[in-house]
Protein backbone atom coordinates (compact mmCIF):
# COMPACT_ATOMS: atom_id res chain seq x y z
CA MET A 1 -0.15 0.08 0.17
CA ARG A 2 1.70 3.86 -0.98
CA ALA A 3 -0.18 7.17 0.38
CA GLU A 4 -0.43 10.11 -1.12
CA VAL A 5 -0.85 13.99 -0.72
CA LYS A 6 -4.41 14.76 -1.15
CA TYR A 7 -3.99 18.32 -0.43
CA PHE A 8 -2.23 21.10 2.34
CA HIS A 9 -4.41 23.35 4.04
CA SER A 10 -2.73 25.91 6.68
CA PRO A 11 -4.96 27.70 9.55
CA ASP A 12 -2.55 30.22 9.55
CA PHE A 13 -3.14 31.74 6.16
CA ASP A 14 -4.20 30.83 2.32
CA TRP A 15 -2.00 28.09 1.77
CA GLU A 16 -3.00 28.70 -2.19
CA SER A 17 -2.79 32.34 -2.56
CA GLN A 18 -0.75 34.21 0.29
CA THR A 19 2.82 34.03 2.17
CA PRO A 20 3.96 34.46 5.55
CA ASP A 21 4.99 38.80 6.42
CA ASN A 22 8.70 37.63 5.62
CA PRO A 23 9.73 34.67 3.93
CA LYS A 24 12.91 34.41 5.24
CA CYS A 25 11.63 34.34 9.04
CA PHE A 26 8.65 32.69 10.06
CA GLU A 27 7.01 29.95 11.45
CA VAL A 28 2.90 28.31 9.55
CA LEU A 29 1.44 25.43 10.98
CA LEU A 30 0.97 23.33 7.64
CA GLN A 31 -1.85 20.79 8.17
CA VAL A 32 -0.92 17.63 5.26
CA PHE A 33 -3.84 15.70 4.12
CA VAL A 34 -2.70 11.98 3.19
CA GLY A 35 -4.58 8.58 2.38
CA PRO A 36 -3.90 5.84 0.34
CA VAL A 37 -3.13 6.04 -3.81
CA GLY A 38 -6.23 5.99 -5.68
CA GLU A 39 -8.78 6.56 -2.64
CA ASP A 40 -10.85 9.36 -1.62
CA ASN A 41 -10.21 9.63 2.42
CA SER A 42 -7.19 11.24 3.72
CA GLU A 43 -6.39 11.94 7.21
CA SER A 44 -4.45 14.75 8.63
CA PHE A 45 -0.89 15.12 9.17
CA ASP A 46 0.63 18.74 10.78
CA LEU A 47 3.90 19.80 11.07
CA LEU A 48 5.12 23.19 11.03
CA ILE A 49 7.27 24.56 8.26
CA CYS A 50 9.93 27.39 9.62
CA THR A 51 13.31 29.32 8.91
CA PRO A 52 16.83 29.18 10.57
CA SER A 53 15.79 32.79 11.50
CA PHE A 54 13.16 32.23 13.26
CA LEU A 55 14.57 29.33 15.05
CA GLU A 56 17.04 31.63 16.09
CA ARG A 57 15.09 34.19 17.18
CA GLU A 58 12.84 31.57 19.48
CA ALA A 59 15.89 30.09 21.00
CA ALA A 60 16.78 33.50 22.15
CA ASP A 61 13.59 33.81 23.58
CA SER A 62 12.84 30.65 24.89
CA GLY A 63 16.39 28.84 24.80
CA VAL A 64 14.92 25.28 23.91
CA ILE A 65 12.62 24.63 20.64
CA ASP A 66 11.54 21.37 20.06
CA GLY A 67 12.53 20.42 16.56
CA HIS A 68 9.37 17.72 16.07
CA HIS A 69 7.38 17.73 13.47
CA ARG A 70 9.68 20.62 11.40
CA ILE A 71 11.39 21.21 8.66
CA ILE A 72 13.37 23.59 7.76
CA VAL A 73 13.76 26.44 5.02
CA SER A 74 15.71 29.29 4.15
CA SER A 75 13.22 30.68 2.55
CA PHE A 76 9.40 30.49 1.90
CA ASN A 77 8.82 28.56 -1.27
CA ARG A 78 5.37 26.24 -1.53
CA ASP A 79 6.49 24.55 -4.56
CA ARG A 80 9.45 23.74 -3.12
CA ILE A 81 8.23 22.67 0.21
CA GLU A 82 5.53 21.10 -1.24
CA SER A 83 7.62 18.95 -3.79
CA TYR A 84 9.48 17.86 -0.77
CA ILE A 85 6.74 16.76 0.83
CA ARG A 86 4.92 14.65 -1.55
CA GLN A 87 8.56 13.19 -2.48
CA ARG A 88 8.88 12.07 1.25
CA VAL A 89 5.11 10.63 1.06
CA ARG A 90 5.69 8.92 -1.68
CA ALA A 91 8.34 6.69 -0.65
CA VAL A 92 6.65 5.57 2.35
CA ASP A 93 4.81 1.89 2.01
CA GLY A 94 3.01 -0.56 3.89
CA PRO A 95 0.88 -3.57 4.32
CA THR A 96 -2.29 -2.00 6.27
CA TRP A 97 -3.16 2.11 6.46
CA VAL A 98 -2.21 2.29 9.98
CA GLU A 99 1.17 1.10 9.41
CA LEU A 100 1.50 3.64 6.28
CA ALA A 101 0.09 6.25 8.03
CA THR A 102 2.67 5.90 11.71
CA LYS A 103 5.47 6.08 8.82
CA VAL A 104 4.05 9.58 7.72
CA GLY A 105 3.85 10.72 11.22
CA ARG A 106 7.43 10.73 11.78
CA LEU A 107 7.02 13.57 8.98
CA GLY A 108 3.72 14.96 10.63
CA ARG A 109 1.32 14.92 13.36
CA TRP A 110 -0.76 11.96 12.75
CA GLU A 111 -4.00 13.81 14.10
CA PHE A 112 -4.77 9.96 15.52
CA GLU A 113 -1.02 10.08 16.46
CA ASP A 114 -1.97 8.57 19.86
CA TYR A 115 -5.33 6.81 19.06
CA ASP A 116 -4.97 2.97 20.61
CA HIS A 117 -5.50 1.51 17.34
CA GLN A 118 -5.68 -2.06 18.80
CA ASN A 119 -9.28 -1.57 19.89
């Protein structure tokens, strides 16, 4: 079984048409909707897209930053970000959707990450 990106969404701004105020210093929540190839259904995987300058500023303020579920880019480039994510998702395979989604969950936080799939 393989997965594919169905679409992208950001609650921070219109992902399709807008850009961050400062494309070289930003952090944006990106929801990537992924599902099995050839099927209409999808589930959300959340990740943060940010720049090194944003991380540097945040580290100066807080002292510690968790890097889990973050993609670090030099500046905002929607096509490059989407291409990278699509490529990572396409590279994943597994015998079931749960196993596939667990692997995709290494990239972004799966909406069912802490759900007990055995019950």
